[in-house]
């Protein structure tokens, strides 16, 4: 009886953890080129120094938008 209860407990624990695992997978990346979108990258600097942790936003005329956050060297990808 203990074995069955232990098995059911393990199965319940495993089932409750599956959604967490699926959220962490690095599945295939979307191909935005099919939508006519392209990746934009660049570097932001101020007075010749990189600007880290800056938010860069791009707004389309049709209401779409994209953004990137600069890294320590001022580089971003949106």
Protein backbone atom coordinates (compact mmCIF):
# COMPACT_ATOMS: atom_id res chain seq x y z
CA UNK A 1 0.00 0.00 0.00
CA UNK A 2 2.87 2.38 0.79
CA UNK A 3 4.37 1.74 -2.64
CA UNK A 4 1.12 2.62 -4.40
CA UNK A 5 0.70 5.79 -2.36
CA UNK A 6 4.30 6.78 -3.02
CA UNK A 7 3.80 6.16 -6.76
CA UNK A 8 0.65 8.30 -6.82
CA UNK A 9 2.41 11.08 -4.92
CA UNK A 10 5.33 10.98 -7.36
CA UNK A 11 2.95 11.00 -10.35
CA UNK A 12 1.05 13.99 -8.95
CA UNK A 13 4.29 15.87 -8.29
CA UNK A 14 5.61 15.09 -11.77
CA UNK A 15 2.33 16.17 -13.40
CA UNK A 16 2.30 19.46 -11.50
CA UNK A 17 5.90 20.23 -12.56
CA UNK A 18 5.42 19.58 -16.30
CA UNK A 19 3.98 23.04 -17.09
CA UNK A 20 7.02 24.64 -15.43
CA UNK A 21 9.40 22.55 -17.53
CA UNK A 22 7.64 23.33 -20.80
CA UNK A 23 7.89 27.06 -20.11
CA UNK A 24 11.67 26.80 -19.84
CA UNK A 25 12.32 25.10 -23.14
CA UNK A 26 14.11 27.03 -25.84
CA UNK A 27 11.97 26.01 -28.78
CA UNK A 28 12.41 27.19 -32.33
CA UNK A 29 12.59 30.93 -32.85
CA UNK A 30 9.87 32.66 -34.87
CA UNK A 31 10.71 33.56 -38.47
CA UNK A 32 9.63 37.20 -38.57
CA UNK A 33 10.86 37.64 -42.14
CA UNK A 34 7.65 35.94 -43.31
CA UNK A 35 5.77 38.89 -41.82
CA UNK A 36 7.96 41.44 -43.56
CA UNK A 37 9.77 42.26 -40.32
CA UNK A 38 13.51 42.49 -39.88
CA UNK A 39 15.87 42.51 -36.93
CA UNK A 40 17.36 45.88 -36.02
CA UNK A 41 20.62 46.15 -34.07
CA UNK A 42 22.87 48.99 -33.06
CA UNK A 43 24.90 50.63 -30.35
CA UNK A 44 23.88 53.60 -28.22
CA UNK A 45 26.52 55.94 -26.84
CA UNK A 46 26.55 59.30 -25.10
CA UNK A 47 29.65 61.49 -25.15
CA UNK A 48 31.57 58.57 -26.63
CA UNK A 49 30.63 56.18 -23.80
CA UNK A 50 28.27 53.19 -24.16
CA UNK A 51 24.86 53.53 -22.51
CA UNK A 52 24.04 50.30 -20.64
CA UNK A 53 20.51 49.17 -19.72
CA UNK A 54 18.77 51.68 -21.99
CA UNK A 55 15.40 50.79 -23.54
CA UNK A 56 15.19 51.45 -27.28
CA UNK A 57 11.70 51.47 -28.83
CA UNK A 58 10.67 51.36 -32.48
CA UNK A 59 7.05 52.18 -33.38
CA UNK A 60 5.48 51.27 -36.72
CA UNK A 61 2.87 53.38 -38.49
CA UNK A 62 0.36 50.54 -38.14
CA UNK A 63 0.65 50.43 -34.35
CA UNK A 64 3.20 47.63 -34.09
CA UNK A 65 6.30 48.12 -32.01
CA UNK A 66 9.53 46.46 -31.01
CA UNK A 67 12.15 47.22 -28.42
CA UNK A 68 15.59 46.24 -27.24
CA UNK A 69 17.60 46.76 -24.06
CA UNK A 70 21.25 47.74 -24.37
CA UNK A 71 23.91 45.57 -22.79
CA UNK A 72 26.99 46.81 -20.95
CA UNK A 73 28.62 47.80 -24.26
CA UNK A 74 25.55 49.78 -25.39
CA UNK A 75 24.57 47.16 -27.99
CA UNK A 76 20.91 46.26 -28.57
CA UNK A 77 18.86 43.99 -30.84
CA UNK A 78 15.17 44.63 -31.50
